[in-house]
Protein backbone atom coordinates (compact mmCIF):
# COMPACT_ATOMS: atom_id res chain seq x y z
CA GLY A 1 -31.77 8.98 24.63
CA ALA A 2 -31.57 11.55 21.94
CA GLY A 3 -28.86 14.18 22.29
CA LYS A 4 -25.19 14.04 23.40
CA GLY A 5 -23.44 12.28 25.99
CA THR A 6 -20.13 13.15 28.17
CA VAL A 7 -18.71 9.96 30.31
CA ASP A 8 -16.04 11.31 32.20
CA ASN A 9 -14.77 8.32 34.27
CA GLY A 10 -15.59 5.04 34.92
CA THR A 11 -16.75 1.87 33.09
CA VAL A 12 -20.11 2.57 30.76
CA SER A 13 -22.30 0.33 28.36
CA PHE A 14 -24.61 2.39 26.42
CA ASN A 15 -27.27 1.20 23.90
CA ASN A 16 -29.22 2.88 21.35
CA VAL A 17 -27.20 6.01 21.65
CA MET A 18 -27.51 9.41 19.15
CA GLY A 19 -24.36 11.02 19.72
CA VAL A 20 -21.90 10.45 22.27
CA TRP A 21 -18.55 12.76 23.13
CA ILE A 22 -15.91 9.66 25.41
CA ASN A 23 -13.49 12.04 27.21
CA GLY A 24 -11.00 10.77 30.04
CA THR A 25 -12.21 7.62 30.15
CA SER A 26 -11.36 3.95 30.36
CA ASP A 27 -13.34 0.30 29.71
CA VAL A 28 -16.20 2.04 27.14
CA LEU A 29 -18.76 -0.01 25.48
CA ILE A 30 -21.13 1.31 22.71
CA ALA A 31 -22.99 -1.63 21.03
CA ASN A 32 -26.43 -2.34 19.10
CA SER A 33 -26.57 1.70 18.78
CA GLN A 34 -28.75 3.47 15.89
CA ASP A 35 -26.57 6.72 15.94
CA THR A 36 -28.65 9.12 13.06
CA ALA A 37 -28.99 11.88 15.28
CA ASN A 38 -28.84 15.30 13.26
CA LEU A 39 -25.74 16.51 15.65
CA GLN A 40 -22.74 17.89 13.95
CA ASP A 41 -20.88 14.53 15.32
CA GLY A 42 -21.67 11.45 16.13
CA ILE A 43 -18.97 9.64 18.54
CA VAL A 44 -16.00 11.20 19.50
CA ILE A 45 -13.44 9.37 21.15
CA THR A 46 -10.52 11.97 22.13
CA ALA A 47 -6.78 11.42 22.91
CA SER A 48 -7.39 10.73 26.82
CA ALA A 49 -9.49 7.60 26.60
CA SER A 50 -8.82 4.32 26.55
CA ASN A 51 -10.22 1.07 25.62
CA VAL A 52 -13.38 2.39 23.88
CA SER A 53 -15.25 -0.71 22.35
CA ILE A 54 -17.67 0.44 19.70
CA GLN A 55 -19.64 -2.82 17.98
CA ASN A 56 -22.55 -3.35 15.40
CA ALA A 57 -23.41 0.41 15.64
CA LYS A 58 -24.78 2.27 12.87
CA ILE A 59 -23.62 5.99 12.71
CA SER A 60 -24.73 7.79 10.18
CA SER A 61 -26.73 11.34 8.91
CA HIS A 62 -24.31 13.69 10.65
CA PRO A 63 -23.36 16.92 9.25
CA GLY A 64 -19.87 17.02 10.90
CA ILE A 65 -17.91 13.23 11.62
CA GLY A 66 -19.87 9.72 11.74
CA LEU A 67 -16.84 8.53 13.68
CA SER A 68 -13.72 10.19 14.98
CA ILE A 69 -10.53 8.89 16.54
CA GLU A 70 -8.23 11.57 18.16
CA GLY A 71 -6.27 9.33 20.02
CA GLY A 72 -5.77 7.10 23.20
CA THR A 73 -5.01 3.71 23.31
CA GLY A 74 -6.64 0.08 22.70
CA HIS A 75 -9.86 0.66 20.93
CA SER A 76 -11.54 -1.33 19.09
CA LEU A 77 -14.16 -1.39 16.47
CA GLN A 78 -16.74 -4.77 15.16
CA ASP A 79 -19.29 -4.62 12.58
CA ASN A 80 -20.08 -0.63 12.71
CA ILE A 81 -22.00 0.68 9.61
CA VAL A 82 -20.68 4.38 9.44
CA THR A 83 -22.23 6.16 6.53
CA LEU A 84 -23.96 8.66 5.17
CA ASN A 85 -21.95 11.52 7.13
CA THR A 86 -21.63 15.14 5.16
CA GLN A 87 -18.16 15.49 6.29
CA LYS A 88 -16.65 12.28 6.67
CA ASP A 89 -17.58 9.43 7.81
CA MET A 90 -14.50 8.26 9.43
CA LYS A 91 -11.42 9.90 10.63
CA ILE A 92 -8.46 8.72 12.65
CA GLN A 93 -6.00 11.50 13.70
CA GLY A 94 -4.41 9.35 16.85
CA GLY A 95 -4.68 6.25 18.67
CA THR A 96 -4.50 2.40 18.71
CA THR A 97 -7.35 0.49 17.23
CA THR A 98 -7.99 -2.68 16.29
CA MET A 99 -11.21 -3.57 14.13
CA TYR A 100 -12.50 -7.00 14.14
CA GLY A 101 -15.31 -8.38 12.41
CA VAL A 102 -16.52 -9.19 8.91
CA ALA A 103 -19.49 -6.41 8.64
CA ASN A 104 -17.31 -3.44 9.14
CA LEU A 105 -18.51 -0.28 6.28
CA ALA A 106 -18.01 2.98 6.01
CA GLY A 107 -18.38 5.28 3.29
CA THR A 108 -14.79 7.82 3.42
CA VAL A 109 -12.02 7.49 5.49
CA GLU A 110 -9.51 9.40 6.30
CA GLN A 111 -6.17 8.84 8.57
CA THR A 112 -4.02 11.27 9.33
CA GLY A 113 -1.95 9.76 12.38
CA GLY A 114 -2.59 6.98 14.73
CA ASP A 115 -2.69 3.17 14.31
CA LEU A 116 -5.45 0.99 12.36
CA ASN A 117 -4.91 -2.49 12.43
CA ILE A 118 -7.47 -4.61 10.72
CA TYR A 119 -7.00 -7.54 12.28
CA PHE A 120 -6.85 -11.43 11.71
CA ASP A 121 -8.25 -13.63 14.48
CA ALA A 122 -8.90 -17.17 13.53
CA VAL A 123 -10.36 -15.64 10.59
CA ALA A 124 -10.08 -12.22 8.45
CA SER A 125 -11.42 -9.52 9.86
CA LYS A 126 -13.02 -7.06 6.83
CA PHE A 127 -13.16 -3.63 6.54
CA THR A 128 -14.99 -2.22 3.10
CA VAL A 129 -14.75 1.06 2.17
CA THR A 130 -17.34 2.24 -0.33
CA SER A 131 -15.63 5.65 -1.48
CA ASP A 132 -12.13 6.61 -0.47
CA TYR A 133 -9.51 6.03 2.16
CA LYS A 134 -7.05 8.79 2.17
CA LEU A 135 -3.87 8.01 4.02
CA ALA A 136 -1.76 11.03 5.30
CA GLY A 137 -0.10 9.60 8.45
CA GLY A 138 0.03 7.00 10.57
CA LYS A 139 0.12 3.30 9.92
CA LEU A 140 -2.64 1.22 8.17
CA ILE A 141 -2.13 -1.84 9.04
CA LEU A 142 -3.70 -5.09 6.75
CA ASN A 143 -3.50 -8.62 8.93
CA GLY A 144 -7.87 -8.91 7.45
CA ILE A 145 -8.96 -7.46 4.15
CA LEU A 146 -9.64 -4.01 3.04
CA ASP A 147 -12.28 -3.63 0.14
CA ILE A 148 -12.21 -0.29 -1.54
CA GLN A 149 -15.38 -0.22 -3.73
CA ASN A 150 -16.42 2.62 -5.87
CA SER A 151 -20.41 2.26 -5.45
CA THR A 152 -20.49 5.75 -3.34
CA GLY A 153 -17.72 7.26 -4.84
CA PRO A 154 -14.07 6.73 -6.86
CA GLY A 155 -12.91 4.01 -5.01
CA ASP A 156 -9.34 5.22 -4.37
CA LEU A 157 -6.63 4.41 -2.13
CA VAL A 158 -4.26 7.74 -1.71
CA GLN A 159 -1.50 7.62 0.60
CA THR A 160 0.27 11.04 1.09
CA ALA A 161 2.26 10.01 3.91
CA GLY A 162 2.09 7.73 7.10
CA GLU A 163 2.58 4.38 6.74
CA PHE A 164 0.66 1.39 5.04
CA ARG A 165 1.66 -2.62 5.28
CA ASN A 166 -0.10 -5.55 3.87
CA GLN A 167 1.09 -7.92 6.22
CA PHE A 168 -0.77 -11.28 5.13
CA ALA A 169 -3.81 -10.01 4.24
CA GLU A 170 -6.39 -9.13 1.02
CA LEU A 171 -6.16 -5.35 -0.56
CA THR A 172 -8.85 -5.24 -3.21
CA VAL A 173 -8.90 -1.31 -4.81
CA ALA A 174 -11.91 -0.54 -7.11
CA HIS A 175 -9.86 2.10 -9.17
CA ASP A 176 -6.56 3.62 -8.34
CA TYR A 177 -4.45 3.09 -5.08
CA GLN A 178 -2.17 6.54 -5.46
CA VAL A 179 1.45 7.09 -3.58
CA ASP A 180 2.59 10.81 -2.98
CA GLY A 181 4.60 10.00 -0.10
CA GLY A 182 5.29 7.80 2.80
CA SER A 183 5.78 4.28 2.77
CA ALA A 184 4.15 0.63 1.54
CA TYR A 185 4.98 -2.87 2.58
CA VAL A 186 3.22 -5.41 0.43
CA ASN A 187 3.70 -8.95 1.57
CA SER A 188 0.62 -10.80 0.13
CA SER A 189 -0.03 -12.34 -3.09
CA GLN A 190 -3.86 -11.05 -3.17
CA ASN A 191 -3.25 -7.47 -4.18
CA HIS A 192 -5.83 -6.17 -6.38
CA ILE A 193 -6.07 -3.07 -8.15
CA SER A 194 -8.63 -2.74 -10.92
CA GLY A 195 -7.06 1.01 -12.28
CA LYS A 196 -3.76 2.18 -11.79
CA LEU A 197 -0.91 1.99 -9.38
CA LEU A 198 0.46 5.11 -9.31
CA LEU A 199 4.03 5.83 -7.20
CA ASN A 200 4.90 9.68 -7.60
CA GLY A 201 6.52 9.93 -4.11
CA GLY A 202 7.89 7.71 -1.47
CA LEU A 203 9.26 3.76 -0.94
CA PHE A 204 6.85 1.19 -2.13
CA GLN A 205 8.26 -2.57 -0.87
CA LEU A 206 6.81 -5.18 -3.06
CA PHE A 207 7.48 -8.83 -1.51
CA SER A 208 4.45 -10.63 -3.25
CA ASP A 209 2.03 -10.60 -6.45
CA LEU A 210 0.15 -7.62 -7.41
CA THR A 211 -2.19 -7.25 -10.17
CA ALA A 212 -3.07 -3.50 -11.38
CA LEU A 213 -5.09 -3.68 -14.30
CA ALA A 214 -4.23 -0.35 -15.81
CA GLY A 215 -0.46 -0.44 -14.93
CA VAL A 216 2.23 0.59 -13.28
CA HIS A 217 2.85 4.00 -13.26
CA ILE A 218 6.43 5.06 -11.61
CA GLY A 219 6.66 8.67 -11.89
CA THR A 220 9.86 10.40 -11.40
CA GLY A 221 9.94 10.48 -7.49
CA GLY A 222 8.56 7.21 -7.47
CA TYR A 223 10.61 4.13 -5.90
CA LEU A 224 9.94 0.76 -6.09
CA GLU A 225 11.87 -1.85 -4.83
CA GLY A 226 10.35 -5.66 -5.64
CA TYR A 227 11.36 -9.06 -4.11
CA TRP A 228 10.91 -12.00 -6.00
CA ASP A 229 7.90 -10.87 -6.96
CA THR A 230 5.16 -10.86 -10.08
CA ILE A 231 3.71 -7.69 -11.37
CA THR A 232 0.46 -8.47 -13.52
CA GLY A 233 -0.03 -5.10 -15.66
CA ASN A 234 2.04 -3.07 -18.17
CA VAL A 235 5.01 -1.18 -15.80
CA PHE A 236 5.88 2.27 -17.29
CA ASN A 237 9.12 4.07 -14.93
CA SER A 238 10.22 7.49 -14.86
CA GLY A 239 11.57 6.91 -11.30
CA VAL A 240 13.26 4.14 -9.61
CA ILE A 241 13.04 0.49 -9.53
CA SER A 242 15.40 -1.48 -7.53
CA LEU A 243 15.50 -5.74 -7.18
CA GLY A 244 15.90 -5.73 -3.51
CA LYS A 245 17.50 -3.13 -1.45
CA ALA A 246 20.49 -0.96 -3.73
CA SER A 247 22.75 -1.30 -0.69
CA GLU A 248 21.74 -5.25 -0.03
CA VAL A 249 23.61 -7.09 -2.65
CA GLY A 250 23.59 -10.99 -3.12
CA ALA A 251 20.05 -11.98 -2.58
CA GLY A 252 19.40 -12.83 -6.07
CA GLU A 253 15.92 -10.60 -6.61
CA LEU A 254 13.70 -11.69 -9.56
CA LEU A 255 10.67 -9.87 -10.81
CA TYR A 256 8.62 -10.74 -13.44
CA ILE A 257 6.50 -8.67 -15.57
CA GLU A 258 3.08 -10.28 -16.83
CA GLY A 259 2.66 -7.05 -19.50
CA ASN A 260 5.12 -4.99 -20.83
CA PHE A 261 7.82 -2.78 -19.36
CA THR A 262 8.86 0.80 -20.47
CA GLN A 263 11.08 3.10 -18.89
CA THR A 264 11.92 6.48 -19.79
CA SER A 265 14.74 8.82 -19.84
CA THR A 266 14.32 9.71 -16.14
CA GLY A 267 14.04 5.88 -15.05
CA ARG A 268 16.74 3.87 -13.51
CA LEU A 269 16.74 0.15 -12.91
CA ILE A 270 19.37 -0.84 -10.23
CA MET A 271 19.97 -4.77 -10.08
CA GLY A 272 22.38 -6.50 -7.83
CA LEU A 273 25.19 -9.26 -8.45
CA SER A 274 27.65 -11.24 -6.24
CA ASP A 275 29.76 -14.48 -6.31
CA VAL A 276 26.74 -16.19 -5.33
CA ALA A 277 23.66 -14.87 -7.13
CA GLN A 278 22.03 -11.88 -9.17
CA ASP A 279 19.45 -9.99 -9.98
CA MET A 280 17.24 -10.60 -12.53
CA LEU A 281 14.04 -9.06 -14.63
CA THR A 282 12.14 -10.92 -17.02
CA VAL A 283 9.28 -9.40 -19.19
CA SER A 284 6.63 -11.36 -20.70
CA GLY A 285 5.74 -8.66 -23.73
CA THR A 286 7.79 -5.45 -24.66
CA ALA A 287 10.94 -4.30 -23.22
CA THR A 288 11.06 -0.77 -24.61
CA LEU A 289 14.48 0.79 -22.68
CA ALA A 290 15.64 4.29 -21.99
CA GLY A 291 17.38 6.25 -18.88
CA THR A 292 19.49 4.60 -16.96
CA PHE A 293 20.94 0.86 -16.04
CA GLN A 294 22.58 0.66 -12.61
CA LEU A 295 24.39 -2.46 -11.28
CA VAL A 296 25.59 -2.91 -8.19
CA LEU A 297 28.49 -5.10 -6.78
CA ALA A 298 28.81 -7.22 -3.72
CA PRO A 299 31.95 -5.37 -1.82
CA GLY A 300 35.31 -7.28 -3.02
CA PHE A 301 33.46 -9.04 -5.82
CA ASP A 302 35.21 -8.90 -9.37
CA PRO A 303 34.12 -11.22 -11.94
CA ALA A 304 36.91 -12.40 -14.23
CA PRO A 305 37.42 -10.77 -17.71
CA GLY A 306 35.11 -12.10 -20.10
CA SER A 307 32.63 -13.29 -17.65
CA GLU A 308 28.58 -12.27 -19.01
CA PHE A 309 25.89 -12.04 -16.75
CA ILE A 310 22.21 -11.38 -18.22
CA PHE A 311 19.68 -9.01 -16.20
CA LEU A 312 17.12 -8.45 -18.67
CA MET A 313 14.91 -10.47 -20.65
CA SER A 314 11.91 -10.06 -22.79
CA ASN A 315 9.90 -11.28 -25.49
CA GLU A 316 10.82 -8.35 -27.56
CA MET A 317 13.15 -5.57 -26.67
CA ILE A 318 12.73 -2.23 -28.39
CA GLY A 319 15.47 0.94 -27.90
CA ALA A 320 18.50 0.86 -24.95
CA PHE A 321 19.70 2.25 -21.88
CA ALA A 322 21.09 5.52 -22.73
CA SER A 323 23.65 5.27 -19.36
CA ILE A 324 25.26 2.19 -17.89
CA GLU A 325 26.76 3.13 -13.93
CA PRO A 326 28.57 -0.23 -13.45
CA PRO A 327 31.99 0.50 -12.17
CA SER A 328 34.57 0.94 -15.43
CA GLY A 329 35.67 -1.94 -17.08
CA TRP A 330 31.94 -3.45 -18.34
CA ALA A 331 30.15 -3.41 -21.59
CA ALA A 332 26.66 -3.39 -22.56
CA ILE A 333 25.09 -6.74 -24.61
CA TYR A 334 21.90 -6.59 -26.51
CA ASP A 335 21.47 -9.71 -27.68
CA PRO A 336 18.29 -11.90 -29.41
CA VAL A 337 17.31 -15.45 -27.24
CA PHE A 338 17.31 -18.41 -28.94
CA GLY A 339 14.45 -19.70 -30.14
CA GLY A 340 12.88 -15.97 -29.34
CA GLY A 341 13.09 -13.24 -27.52
CA ASP A 342 15.82 -10.82 -26.08
CA PHE A 343 17.94 -9.75 -23.59
CA PHE A 344 19.95 -7.18 -22.19
CA GLY A 345 23.26 -7.89 -19.95
CA LEU A 346 26.67 -6.91 -18.97
CA LYS A 347 30.35 -8.61 -19.69
CA ARG A 348 33.37 -7.92 -17.71
CA LEU A 349 36.45 -6.60 -19.91
């Protein structure tokens, strides 16, 4: 009925509740609820709770937070609608939570801790966010689909800390994905950003293809690691782009940019070279060069004098790297390619 229910222990099922505080409990099921009471918060799962399952619930119209997960373990969410709550629709502060089903919907989401796993079980689960998702701690794990829309807000994914892992799933962002800190691991070919990918801080590891219609912008504190990927969109580098880990040479990573590449005076491009493989950046459009190129050699590898290696190819090349940081005894090469295009390489003296 109306009001706020408190459960202390045991296994309890709720139907048609209008506000629940779950504290010190285990095995709690809230199903098919229409939680639209004018309470401060809708459903609060405290750090001492465990195995709380919320299914097919509608949580809305609270002046505070619609669904707050403060901690605990083994929680699950399935096909819930959490919208129109004034302060925040969903806030995840701790605990471990798995999301199932294809009809999960929330307006504004903030995660400051804990783990949220959008699950894959026969079919991919889907979480639709209609305003924005702010990741400030914990782990956001995609084995299913995260679709951030702009129907009720900016449509941004903003990461200031924590860990984002798109393992084998789909990410769609209606506006910008902004990374100011933390780490991102992207290993799925279905990554579509309608605005910008803004890398202002932290580490962004790209193991698969990515589209950013308004470009990838790497600020002075940003760091992108690329592993055999295609980026569709222009790339602007004022920070660091490393093909693979700078400390692990020899894999022969290839980054393809379907667009233009611009490196500013503060930018750094790092590539590796070994006796069996080398890294390569290919740009379909124009490469505008400045800043630093850094070559990392595999331990013990010293090419013979006169050896030449191409590291960057583009349709057109403007400018040059202001600083080359290979070991001593190397010279930069900038030449047109027969049949069109330009390349940058290094020659062992």
